[in-house]
Amino acid sequence: MDKFTKLTGIAAPMPLVNIDTDMIIPKVFLKTIKRSGLGVNLFDEMRYDRQGNEIEDFVLNQPQYREAEILVAGDNFGCGSSREHAPWAIKDYGIRCVISTSFADIFFNNCFKNGILPIVVSEEEHALLMKDAEKGSNARITVDLEAQEVTTSDGEVIAFEVDAFKKHCLLNGLDDIGLTMEKSASIDAFEAQASQARPWV
């Protein structure tokens, strides 16, 4: 998993509330178990018409937001089904941080396991960041995980909370497999001892 330390990038404003996982990645694209290739279908039903053409006024289709790495989203982002394909699609598109006033619990935890930093802010802070994101590609927001701060393009600093263990995992690029591999020496020692004690197994 890619490490997340500090990110400075374009933030795309998406104020719509209750964006569920089916809106993030529709069920028709859930046939794969690969984490790559889903970015092209991120927000598919909002992003394309029935002929597959881009809908011009959708935020990620606008020239100033095509390279967005941060998403300032509406309340209750990631609600609905628990599909992990949702953070896969977000990450594959290139978005590494989602900022909202609240997230669905399962989606929130899945983000951390896939190298995405979800940040919860107050309504006032959210309004400030949304307004900053609406400035377009000239307004870049900085997210510093180590310092737990978001800095607007105008230099205003917003502190955020993050679970210490989840922070450690993101800073060091550790998903569940990575965490297990940190214990590989202990696992090998246990298996060697078990093999000697029970050679018939």
C-alpha atoms as a PDB file:
ATOM      1  CA  MET A   1       0.000   0.000   0.000  1.00  0.00           C
ATOM      2  CA  ASP A   2       1.264   3.498  -0.834  1.00  0.00           C
ATOM      3  CA  LYS A   3       2.312   5.655   2.107  1.00  0.00           C
ATOM      4  CA  PHE A   4       0.374   8.809   2.876  1.00  0.00           C
ATOM      5  CA  THR A   5       2.446  11.534   4.501  1.00  0.00           C
ATOM      6  CA  LYS A   6       1.792  14.960   3.007  1.00  0.00           C
ATOM      7  CA  LEU A   7      -0.270  15.859  -0.041  1.00  0.00           C
ATOM      8  CA  THR A   8      -0.661  19.164  -1.851  1.00  0.00           C
ATOM      9  CA  GLY A   9      -3.151  19.033  -4.677  1.00  0.00           C
ATOM     10  CA  ILE A  10      -6.293  20.210  -6.390  1.00  0.00           C
ATOM     11  CA  ALA A  11      -9.476  19.679  -4.390  1.00  0.00           C
ATOM     12  CA  ALA A  12     -12.704  18.941  -6.244  1.00  0.00           C
ATOM     13  CA  PRO A  13     -15.940  20.235  -4.659  1.00  0.00           C
ATOM     14  CA  MET A  14     -18.778  17.695  -4.501  1.00  0.00           C
ATOM     15  CA  PRO A  15     -21.385  19.083  -2.069  1.00  0.00           C
ATOM     16  CA  LEU A  16     -24.045  16.440  -2.762  1.00  0.00           C
ATOM     17  CA  VAL A  17     -25.029  14.643   0.462  1.00  0.00           C
ATOM     18  CA  ASN A  18     -25.556  10.902   0.938  1.00  0.00           C
ATOM     19  CA  ILE A  19     -23.325   9.810  -1.950  1.00  0.00           C
ATOM     20  CA  ASP A  20     -23.542   6.041  -1.569  1.00  0.00           C
ATOM     21  CA  THR A  21     -21.166   3.344  -2.730  1.00  0.00           C
ATOM     22  CA  ASP A  22     -23.357   2.522  -5.732  1.00  0.00           C
ATOM     23  CA  MET A  23     -22.975   6.120  -6.902  1.00  0.00           C
ATOM     24  CA  ILE A  24     -19.219   5.890  -6.309  1.00  0.00           C
ATOM     25  CA  ILE A  25     -18.911   2.662  -8.327  1.00  0.00           C
ATOM     26  CA  PRO A  26     -22.115   1.084  -9.742  1.00  0.00           C
ATOM     27  CA  LYS A  27     -22.715  -2.620  -9.119  1.00  0.00           C
ATOM     28  CA  VAL A  28     -22.219  -3.506 -12.795  1.00  0.00           C
ATOM     29  CA  PHE A  29     -18.475  -2.921 -12.301  1.00  0.00           C
ATOM     30  CA  LEU A  30     -18.096  -5.213  -9.284  1.00  0.00           C
ATOM     31  CA  LYS A  31     -17.141  -8.288 -11.311  1.00  0.00           C
ATOM     32  CA  THR A  32     -13.414  -7.756 -10.797  1.00  0.00           C
ATOM     33  CA  ILE A  33     -11.347  -8.523  -7.705  1.00  0.00           C
ATOM     34  CA  LYS A  34      -8.484  -6.349  -8.965  1.00  0.00           C
ATOM     35  CA  ARG A  35      -7.892  -3.008  -7.285  1.00  0.00           C
ATOM     36  CA  SER A  36      -6.865  -1.355 -10.525  1.00  0.00           C
ATOM     37  CA  GLY A  37      -8.861  -0.244 -13.554  1.00  0.00           C
ATOM     38  CA  LEU A  38     -11.923   1.021 -11.678  1.00  0.00           C
ATOM     39  CA  GLY A  39     -11.006   4.711 -11.751  1.00  0.00           C
ATOM     40  CA  VAL A  40     -12.445   5.201 -15.227  1.00  0.00           C
ATOM     41  CA  ASN A  41     -15.870   4.225 -13.858  1.00  0.00           C
ATOM     42  CA  LEU A  42     -15.713   6.297 -10.674  1.00  0.00           C
ATOM     43  CA  PHE A  43     -19.072   8.114 -10.287  1.00  0.00           C
ATOM     44  CA  ASP A  44     -20.006   6.501 -13.613  1.00  0.00           C
ATOM     45  CA  GLU A  45     -23.722   7.382 -13.652  1.00  0.00           C
ATOM     46  CA  MET A  46     -23.051  11.020 -12.779  1.00  0.00           C
ATOM     47  CA  ARG A  47     -19.998  11.282 -15.002  1.00  0.00           C
ATOM     48  CA  TYR A  48     -21.282   9.809 -18.291  1.00  0.00           C
ATOM     49  CA  ASP A  49     -24.532   9.837 -20.248  1.00  0.00           C
ATOM     50  CA  ARG A  50     -26.163   6.650 -21.585  1.00  0.00           C
ATOM     51  CA  GLN A  51     -24.049   6.795 -24.725  1.00  0.00           C
ATOM     52  CA  GLY A  52     -20.857   6.885 -22.661  1.00  0.00           C
ATOM     53  CA  ASN A  53     -20.129  10.552 -23.333  1.00  0.00           C
ATOM     54  CA  GLU A  54     -18.843  12.766 -20.543  1.00  0.00           C
ATOM     55  CA  ILE A  55     -21.388  15.018 -18.876  1.00  0.00           C
ATOM     56  CA  GLU A  56     -19.684  18.398 -19.137  1.00  0.00           C
ATOM     57  CA  ASP A  57     -20.943  19.936 -15.912  1.00  0.00           C
ATOM     58  CA  PHE A  58     -19.925  17.014 -13.680  1.00  0.00           C
ATOM     59  CA  VAL A  59     -17.072  18.280 -11.515  1.00  0.00           C
ATOM     60  CA  LEU A  60     -14.417  15.700 -12.446  1.00  0.00           C
ATOM     61  CA  ASN A  61     -15.097  16.269 -16.151  1.00  0.00           C
ATOM     62  CA  GLN A  62     -14.279  19.955 -15.844  1.00  0.00           C
ATOM     63  CA  PRO A  63     -10.723  20.788 -16.992  1.00  0.00           C
ATOM     64  CA  GLN A  64      -9.718  22.405 -13.711  1.00  0.00           C
ATOM     65  CA  TYR A  65     -10.597  19.293 -11.691  1.00  0.00           C
ATOM     66  CA  ARG A  66      -9.439  16.406 -13.891  1.00  0.00           C
ATOM     67  CA  GLU A  67      -6.236  16.078 -11.880  1.00  0.00           C
ATOM     68  CA  ALA A  68      -7.917  16.382  -8.469  1.00  0.00           C
ATOM     69  CA  GLU A  69      -6.280  14.404  -5.664  1.00  0.00           C
ATOM     70  CA  ILE A  70      -8.578  15.639  -2.898  1.00  0.00           C
ATOM     71  CA  LEU A  71     -12.364  15.456  -2.756  1.00  0.00           C
ATOM     72  CA  VAL A  72     -14.413  17.800  -0.557  1.00  0.00           C
ATOM     73  CA  ALA A  73     -17.643  15.826  -0.295  1.00  0.00           C
ATOM     74  CA  GLY A  74     -21.072  16.278   1.241  1.00  0.00           C
ATOM     75  CA  ASP A  75     -22.328  14.730   4.476  1.00  0.00           C
ATOM     76  CA  ASN A  76     -22.626  10.943   4.975  1.00  0.00           C
ATOM     77  CA  PHE A  77     -20.222  10.085   2.169  1.00  0.00           C
ATOM     78  CA  GLY A  78     -19.848   6.387   1.319  1.00  0.00           C
ATOM     79  CA  CYS A  79     -23.158   5.203   2.747  1.00  0.00           C
ATOM     80  CA  GLY A  80     -25.011   2.203   1.305  1.00  0.00           C
ATOM     81  CA  SER A  81     -23.470  -1.213   0.712  1.00  0.00           C
ATOM     82  CA  SER A  82     -20.094  -2.162   2.135  1.00  0.00           C
ATOM     83  CA  ARG A  83     -18.346  -2.766  -1.205  1.00  0.00           C
ATOM     84  CA  GLU A  84     -14.597  -2.225  -0.983  1.00  0.00           C
ATOM     85  CA  HIS A  85     -14.600  -1.454  -4.707  1.00  0.00           C
ATOM     86  CA  ALA A  86     -15.648   2.093  -3.755  1.00  0.00           C
ATOM     87  CA  PRO A  87     -12.299   3.098  -2.230  1.00  0.00           C
ATOM     88  CA  TRP A  88     -10.536   1.050  -4.928  1.00  0.00           C
ATOM     89  CA  ALA A  89     -12.177   3.224  -7.599  1.00  0.00           C
ATOM     90  CA  ILE A  90     -11.401   6.458  -5.742  1.00  0.00           C
ATOM     91  CA  LYS A  91      -7.744   5.504  -5.294  1.00  0.00           C
ATOM     92  CA  ASP A  92      -7.402   4.255  -8.878  1.00  0.00           C
ATOM     93  CA  TYR A  93      -8.720   7.587 -10.166  1.00  0.00           C
ATOM     94  CA  GLY A  94      -5.972   9.364  -8.225  1.00  0.00           C
ATOM     95  CA  ILE A  95      -7.841  10.759  -5.222  1.00  0.00           C
ATOM     96  CA  ARG A  96      -5.894  10.182  -1.992  1.00  0.00           C
ATOM     97  CA  CYS A  97      -7.962  12.212   0.476  1.00  0.00           C
ATOM     98  CA  VAL A  98     -11.700  12.734   1.016  1.00  0.00           C
ATOM     99  CA  ILE A  99     -12.917  15.468   3.358  1.00  0.00           C
ATOM    100  CA  SER A 100     -16.484  15.523   4.690  1.00  0.00           C
ATOM    101  CA  THR A 101     -18.552  16.241   7.777  1.00  0.00           C
ATOM    102  CA  SER A 102     -19.284  12.515   8.167  1.00  0.00           C
ATOM    103  CA  PHE A 103     -18.693   9.132   6.546  1.00  0.00           C
ATOM    104  CA  ALA A 104     -20.378   5.741   6.638  1.00  0.00           C
ATOM    105  CA  ASP A 105     -18.382   3.597   9.083  1.00  0.00           C
ATOM    106  CA  ILE A 106     -17.459   0.708   6.785  1.00  0.00           C
ATOM    107  CA  PHE A 107     -16.418   2.997   3.939  1.00  0.00           C
ATOM    108  CA  PHE A 108     -14.423   5.121   6.386  1.00  0.00           C
ATOM    109  CA  ASN A 109     -12.430   2.126   7.623  1.00  0.00           C
ATOM    110  CA  ASN A 110     -11.980   0.720   4.101  1.00  0.00           C
ATOM    111  CA  CYS A 111     -10.360   3.998   3.041  1.00  0.00           C
ATOM    112  CA  PHE A 112      -7.557   3.579   5.565  1.00  0.00           C
ATOM    113  CA  LYS A 113      -6.973   0.004   4.394  1.00  0.00           C
ATOM    114  CA  ASN A 114      -6.529   1.229   0.816  1.00  0.00           C
ATOM    115  CA  GLY A 115      -4.220   4.210   1.249  1.00  0.00           C
ATOM    116  CA  ILE A 116      -6.909   6.920   1.324  1.00  0.00           C
ATOM    117  CA  LEU A 117      -7.165   9.454   4.144  1.00  0.00           C
ATOM    118  CA  PRO A 118     -10.771  10.312   5.106  1.00  0.00           C
ATOM    119  CA  ILE A 119     -10.974  13.486   7.176  1.00  0.00           C
ATOM    120  CA  VAL A 120     -13.944  14.587   9.262  1.00  0.00           C
ATOM    121  CA  VAL A 121     -14.328  18.335   9.805  1.00  0.00           C
ATOM    122  CA  SER A 122     -16.979  20.600  11.301  1.00  0.00           C
ATOM    123  CA  GLU A 123     -19.679  22.201   9.174  1.00  0.00           C
ATOM    124  CA  GLU A 124     -17.927  25.577   9.376  1.00  0.00           C
ATOM    125  CA  GLU A 125     -14.575  24.103   8.354  1.00  0.00           C
ATOM    126  CA  HIS A 126     -16.261  22.126   5.592  1.00  0.00           C
ATOM    127  CA  ALA A 127     -17.877  25.278   4.200  1.00  0.00           C
ATOM    128  CA  LEU A 128     -14.474  26.991   4.163  1.00  0.00           C
ATOM    129  CA  LEU A 129     -12.828  24.075   2.336  1.00  0.00           C
ATOM    130  CA  MET A 130     -15.707  23.760  -0.122  1.00  0.00           C
ATOM    131  CA  LYS A 131     -15.425  27.449  -0.975  1.00  0.00           C
ATOM    132  CA  ASP A 132     -11.665  27.050  -1.422  1.00  0.00           C
ATOM    133  CA  ALA A 133     -12.125  24.019  -3.691  1.00  0.00           C
ATOM    134  CA  GLU A 134     -14.568  25.964  -5.848  1.00  0.00           C
ATOM    135  CA  LYS A 135     -11.718  28.287  -6.867  1.00  0.00           C
ATOM    136  CA  GLY A 136     -10.467  25.609  -9.279  1.00  0.00           C
ATOM    137  CA  SER A 137      -7.009  24.377 -10.163  1.00  0.00           C
ATOM    138  CA  ASN A 138      -5.226  27.516  -8.967  1.00  0.00           C
ATOM    139  CA  ALA A 139      -6.300  26.796  -5.385  1.00  0.00           C
ATOM    140  CA  ARG A 140      -4.293  23.925  -3.928  1.00  0.00           C
ATOM    141  CA  ILE A 141      -5.001  22.431  -0.530  1.00  0.00           C
ATOM    142  CA  THR A 142      -2.296  20.782   1.591  1.00  0.00           C
ATOM    143  CA  VAL A 143      -3.044  17.788   3.799  1.00  0.00           C
ATOM    144  CA  ASP A 144      -0.351  16.927   6.351  1.00  0.00           C
ATOM    145  CA  LEU A 145      -1.087  13.643   8.092  1.00  0.00           C
ATOM    146  CA  GLU A 146       1.876  13.815  10.479  1.00  0.00           C
ATOM    147  CA  ALA A 147       0.812  17.251  11.737  1.00  0.00           C
ATOM    148  CA  GLN A 148      -2.896  16.398  11.324  1.00  0.00           C
ATOM    149  CA  GLU A 149      -3.578  19.654   9.528  1.00  0.00           C
ATOM    150  CA  VAL A 150      -5.315  20.806   6.366  1.00  0.00           C
ATOM    151  CA  THR A 151      -4.074  24.117   4.950  1.00  0.00           C
ATOM    152  CA  THR A 152      -6.225  26.058   2.496  1.00  0.00           C
ATOM    153  CA  SER A 153      -4.841  27.899  -0.518  1.00  0.00           C
ATOM    154  CA  ASP A 154      -5.092  31.090   1.545  1.00  0.00           C
ATOM    155  CA  GLY A 155      -3.003  29.644   4.368  1.00  0.00           C
ATOM    156  CA  GLU A 156      -5.786  28.937   6.866  1.00  0.00           C
ATOM    157  CA  VAL A 157      -5.017  25.863   8.948  1.00  0.00           C
ATOM    158  CA  ILE A 158      -7.623  23.315  10.054  1.00  0.00           C
ATOM    159  CA  ALA A 159      -6.640  20.628  12.566  1.00  0.00           C
ATOM    160  CA  PHE A 160      -8.228  17.206  12.309  1.00  0.00           C
ATOM    161  CA  GLU A 161      -8.390  14.091  14.463  1.00  0.00           C
ATOM    162  CA  VAL A 162      -7.281  10.651  13.337  1.00  0.00           C
ATOM    163  CA  ASP A 163      -6.972   7.339  15.174  1.00  0.00           C
ATOM    164  CA  ALA A 164      -3.330   6.789  16.156  1.00  0.00           C
ATOM    165  CA  PHE A 165      -3.185   3.223  14.812  1.00  0.00           C
ATOM    166  CA  LYS A 166      -4.780   4.165  11.495  1.00  0.00           C
ATOM    167  CA  LYS A 167      -2.386   7.105  11.230  1.00  0.00           C
ATOM    168  CA  HIS A 168       0.575   4.776  11.799  1.00  0.00           C
ATOM    169  CA  CYS A 169      -0.644   2.423   9.085  1.00  0.00           C
ATOM    170  CA  LEU A 170      -1.106   5.191   6.509  1.00  0.00           C
ATOM    171  CA  LEU A 171       2.191   6.889   7.280  1.00  0.00           C
ATOM    172  CA  ASN A 172       4.005   3.576   6.824  1.00  0.00           C
ATOM    173  CA  GLY A 173       1.923   2.185   3.955  1.00  0.00           C
ATOM    174  CA  LEU A 174       0.669  -0.791   5.955  1.00  0.00           C
ATOM    175  CA  ASP A 175      -2.511  -2.611   4.986  1.00  0.00           C
ATOM    176  CA  ASP A 176      -3.650  -5.806   6.755  1.00  0.00           C
ATOM    177  CA  ILE A 177      -1.113  -7.908   4.849  1.00  0.00           C
ATOM    178  CA  GLY A 178       1.649  -5.427   5.559  1.00  0.00           C
ATOM    179  CA  LEU A 179       0.833  -5.489   9.264  1.00  0.00           C
ATOM    180  CA  THR A 180       1.030  -9.288   9.234  1.00  0.00           C
ATOM    181  CA  MET A 181       4.361  -9.249   7.396  1.00  0.00           C
ATOM    182  CA  GLU A 182       5.799  -7.025  10.124  1.00  0.00           C
ATOM    183  CA  LYS A 183       5.489 -10.099  12.350  1.00  0.00           C
ATOM    184  CA  SER A 184       7.073 -12.475   9.835  1.00  0.00           C
ATOM    185  CA  ALA A 185      10.056 -13.305  12.071  1.00  0.00           C
ATOM    186  CA  SER A 186       7.747 -14.274  14.949  1.00  0.00           C
ATOM    187  CA  ILE A 187       5.515 -16.266  12.607  1.00  0.00           C
ATOM    188  CA  ASP A 188       8.514 -18.165  11.200  1.00  0.00           C
ATOM    189  CA  ALA A 189       9.801 -18.914  14.716  1.00  0.00           C
ATOM    190  CA  PHE A 190       6.380 -20.185  15.791  1.00  0.00           C
ATOM    191  CA  GLU A 191       6.064 -22.424  12.740  1.00  0.00           C
ATOM    192  CA  ALA A 192       9.547 -23.866  13.274  1.00  0.00           C
ATOM    193  CA  GLN A 193       8.774 -24.590  16.917  1.00  0.00           C
ATOM    194  CA  ALA A 194       5.400 -26.115  16.045  1.00  0.00           C
ATOM    195  CA  SER A 195       6.997 -28.299  13.371  1.00  0.00           C
ATOM    196  CA  GLN A 196       9.486 -29.689  15.897  1.00  0.00           C
ATOM    197  CA  ALA A 197       6.822 -30.265  18.537  1.00  0.00           C
ATOM    198  CA  ARG A 198       4.335 -31.865  16.106  1.00  0.00           C
ATOM    199  CA  PRO A 199       6.308 -33.262  13.145  1.00  0.00           C
ATOM    200  CA  TRP A 200       3.329 -35.351  12.078  1.00  0.00           C
ATOM    201  CA  VAL A 201       1.217 -32.283  11.286  1.00  0.00           C
END
